[in-house]
């Protein structure tokens, strides 16, 4: 799922006025007319901006998007917590293993 807030460089609590201003500023910055040669990246960026703005500027579409966005971010947060817990467990296991080795070498 694309992060429309990131694409428009705004936060999730942005008002419609902020969304519109951010969109206009980015369109001005990335408009193909500002570049001498046709650039596929610029065309792609403009398509992303238009898509993000189409969703976030429409109240119903934004509400639906926010439900999915919140759900996915919550899942990512839980995955990050699980990875951090796993890292701590592996680190502790390595410390215990090292202490056992130290003990055996001391005999």
C-alpha atoms as a PDB file:
ATOM      1  CA  UNK A   1       0.000   0.000   0.000  1.00  0.00           C
ATOM      2  CA  UNK A   2       1.377   3.375  -0.985  1.00  0.00           C
ATOM      3  CA  UNK A   3       1.850   5.938   1.744  1.00  0.00           C
ATOM      4  CA  UNK A   4      -0.039   8.916   0.339  1.00  0.00           C
ATOM      5  CA  UNK A   5       0.915  11.066   3.302  1.00  0.00           C
ATOM      6  CA  UNK A   6       4.569  10.426   2.608  1.00  0.00           C
ATOM      7  CA  UNK A   7       4.109  11.081  -1.103  1.00  0.00           C
ATOM      8  CA  UNK A   8       2.589  14.505  -0.354  1.00  0.00           C
ATOM      9  CA  UNK A   9       5.143  15.067   2.420  1.00  0.00           C
ATOM     10  CA  UNK A  10       2.489  15.752   5.061  1.00  0.00           C
ATOM     11  CA  UNK A  11       1.407  14.122   8.320  1.00  0.00           C
ATOM     12  CA  UNK A  12      -1.756  12.117   8.910  1.00  0.00           C
ATOM     13  CA  UNK A  13      -3.551  14.974  10.667  1.00  0.00           C
ATOM     14  CA  UNK A  14      -3.128  17.447   7.807  1.00  0.00           C
ATOM     15  CA  UNK A  15      -6.158  19.576   6.995  1.00  0.00           C
ATOM     16  CA  UNK A  16      -7.629  19.771   3.504  1.00  0.00           C
ATOM     17  CA  UNK A  17      -5.966  23.172   3.086  1.00  0.00           C
ATOM     18  CA  UNK A  18      -2.552  21.720   3.940  1.00  0.00           C
ATOM     19  CA  UNK A  19      -3.129  18.783   1.584  1.00  0.00           C
ATOM     20  CA  UNK A  20      -4.042  21.145  -1.243  1.00  0.00           C
ATOM     21  CA  UNK A  21      -1.067  23.453  -0.588  1.00  0.00           C
ATOM     22  CA  UNK A  22       1.377  20.543  -0.400  1.00  0.00           C
ATOM     23  CA  UNK A  23      -0.011  19.052  -3.603  1.00  0.00           C
ATOM     24  CA  UNK A  24       0.260  22.337  -5.485  1.00  0.00           C
ATOM     25  CA  UNK A  25       3.812  22.950  -4.290  1.00  0.00           C
ATOM     26  CA  UNK A  26       4.938  19.460  -5.284  1.00  0.00           C
ATOM     27  CA  UNK A  27       3.184  19.612  -8.663  1.00  0.00           C
ATOM     28  CA  UNK A  28       4.946  22.877  -9.358  1.00  0.00           C
ATOM     29  CA  UNK A  29       8.263  21.330  -8.337  1.00  0.00           C
ATOM     30  CA  UNK A  30       7.893  18.096 -10.325  1.00  0.00           C
ATOM     31  CA  UNK A  31       5.891  19.273 -13.340  1.00  0.00           C
ATOM     32  CA  UNK A  32       7.361  17.846 -16.577  1.00  0.00           C
ATOM     33  CA  UNK A  33       7.409  21.311 -18.166  1.00  0.00           C
ATOM     34  CA  UNK A  34      10.173  22.225 -15.713  1.00  0.00           C
ATOM     35  CA  UNK A  35      12.492  19.662 -17.306  1.00  0.00           C
ATOM     36  CA  UNK A  36      14.069  19.852 -20.749  1.00  0.00           C
ATOM     37  CA  UNK A  37      14.045  16.132 -21.451  1.00  0.00           C
ATOM     38  CA  UNK A  38      11.200  13.747 -20.825  1.00  0.00           C
ATOM     39  CA  UNK A  39      12.004  11.968 -17.610  1.00  0.00           C
ATOM     40  CA  UNK A  40      10.254   8.735 -16.652  1.00  0.00           C
ATOM     41  CA  UNK A  41      10.883   9.373 -12.930  1.00  0.00           C
ATOM     42  CA  UNK A  42       9.191  12.766 -13.113  1.00  0.00           C
ATOM     43  CA  UNK A  43       6.201  11.313 -14.962  1.00  0.00           C
ATOM     44  CA  UNK A  44       5.954   8.570 -12.347  1.00  0.00           C
ATOM     45  CA  UNK A  45       6.251  11.104  -9.507  1.00  0.00           C
ATOM     46  CA  UNK A  46       3.466  13.229 -11.011  1.00  0.00           C
ATOM     47  CA  UNK A  47       1.224  10.165 -11.278  1.00  0.00           C
ATOM     48  CA  UNK A  48       1.884   9.365  -7.603  1.00  0.00           C
ATOM     49  CA  UNK A  49       1.116  12.953  -6.581  1.00  0.00           C
ATOM     50  CA  UNK A  50      -2.144  12.929  -8.531  1.00  0.00           C
ATOM     51  CA  UNK A  51      -3.156   9.569  -7.065  1.00  0.00           C
ATOM     52  CA  UNK A  52      -2.344  10.656  -3.508  1.00  0.00           C
ATOM     53  CA  UNK A  53      -4.189  13.933  -3.907  1.00  0.00           C
ATOM     54  CA  UNK A  54      -7.226  12.229  -5.469  1.00  0.00           C
ATOM     55  CA  UNK A  55      -7.564  10.015  -2.382  1.00  0.00           C
ATOM     56  CA  UNK A  56      -6.646  12.446   0.400  1.00  0.00           C
ATOM     57  CA  UNK A  57      -8.656  15.361  -0.954  1.00  0.00           C
ATOM     58  CA  UNK A  58     -11.856  13.292  -1.082  1.00  0.00           C
ATOM     59  CA  UNK A  59     -13.368  12.894   2.389  1.00  0.00           C
ATOM     60  CA  UNK A  60     -14.836   9.413   1.840  1.00  0.00           C
ATOM     61  CA  UNK A  61     -11.785   8.033   0.021  1.00  0.00           C
ATOM     62  CA  UNK A  62      -9.503   9.461   2.714  1.00  0.00           C
ATOM     63  CA  UNK A  63     -11.577   7.875   5.480  1.00  0.00           C
ATOM     64  CA  UNK A  64     -11.406   4.472   3.755  1.00  0.00           C
ATOM     65  CA  UNK A  65      -7.681   4.904   3.109  1.00  0.00           C
ATOM     66  CA  UNK A  66      -7.017   5.913   6.734  1.00  0.00           C
ATOM     67  CA  UNK A  67      -8.704   2.740   8.000  1.00  0.00           C
ATOM     68  CA  UNK A  68      -6.404   0.576   5.859  1.00  0.00           C
ATOM     69  CA  UNK A  69      -3.375   2.803   6.552  1.00  0.00           C
ATOM     70  CA  UNK A  70      -3.884   2.581  10.320  1.00  0.00           C
ATOM     71  CA  UNK A  71      -4.339  -1.177  10.175  1.00  0.00           C
ATOM     72  CA  UNK A  72      -1.162  -1.728   8.137  1.00  0.00           C
ATOM     73  CA  UNK A  73       0.900   0.630  10.300  1.00  0.00           C
ATOM     74  CA  UNK A  74      -0.343  -1.160  13.406  1.00  0.00           C
ATOM     75  CA  UNK A  75       0.755  -4.498  11.938  1.00  0.00           C
ATOM     76  CA  UNK A  76       4.170  -3.057  11.039  1.00  0.00           C
ATOM     77  CA  UNK A  77       4.561  -1.711  14.571  1.00  0.00           C
ATOM     78  CA  UNK A  78       3.762  -5.150  16.030  1.00  0.00           C
ATOM     79  CA  UNK A  79       6.241  -6.790  13.642  1.00  0.00           C
ATOM     80  CA  UNK A  80       8.915  -4.305  14.708  1.00  0.00           C
ATOM     81  CA  UNK A  81       8.243  -5.027  18.372  1.00  0.00           C
ATOM     82  CA  UNK A  82       8.489  -8.777  17.700  1.00  0.00           C
ATOM     83  CA  UNK A  83      11.783  -8.309  15.832  1.00  0.00           C
ATOM     84  CA  UNK A  84      13.155  -6.226  18.697  1.00  0.00           C
ATOM     85  CA  UNK A  85      12.124  -8.900  21.196  1.00  0.00           C
ATOM     86  CA  UNK A  86      13.770 -11.567  19.044  1.00  0.00           C
ATOM     87  CA  UNK A  87      16.949  -9.498  18.865  1.00  0.00           C
ATOM     88  CA  UNK A  88      17.048  -9.205  22.660  1.00  0.00           C
ATOM     89  CA  UNK A  89      16.498 -12.958  23.069  1.00  0.00           C
ATOM     90  CA  UNK A  90      19.267 -13.793  20.609  1.00  0.00           C
ATOM     91  CA  UNK A  91      21.609 -11.323  22.267  1.00  0.00           C
ATOM     92  CA  UNK A  92      20.880 -12.852  25.685  1.00  0.00           C
ATOM     93  CA  UNK A  93      21.434 -16.336  24.289  1.00  0.00           C
ATOM     94  CA  UNK A  94      24.805 -15.263  22.887  1.00  0.00           C
ATOM     95  CA  UNK A  95      25.793 -13.774  26.258  1.00  0.00           C
ATOM     96  CA  UNK A  96      24.854 -17.002  28.069  1.00  0.00           C
ATOM     97  CA  UNK A  97      26.767 -19.058  25.525  1.00  0.00           C
ATOM     98  CA  UNK A  98      29.836 -16.843  25.983  1.00  0.00           C
ATOM     99  CA  UNK A  99      29.629 -17.161  29.783  1.00  0.00           C
ATOM    100  CA  UNK A 100      29.461 -20.964  29.455  1.00  0.00           C
ATOM    101  CA  UNK A 101      32.547 -20.898  27.226  1.00  0.00           C
ATOM    102  CA  UNK A 102      34.382 -18.650  29.679  1.00  0.00           C
ATOM    103  CA  UNK A 103      33.458 -21.002  32.535  1.00  0.00           C
ATOM    104  CA  UNK A 104      34.654 -24.098  30.656  1.00  0.00           C
ATOM    105  CA  UNK A 105      37.903 -22.402  29.698  1.00  0.00           C
ATOM    106  CA  UNK A 106      38.490 -21.415  33.312  1.00  0.00           C
ATOM    107  CA  UNK A 107      38.415 -25.084  34.425  1.00  0.00           C
END
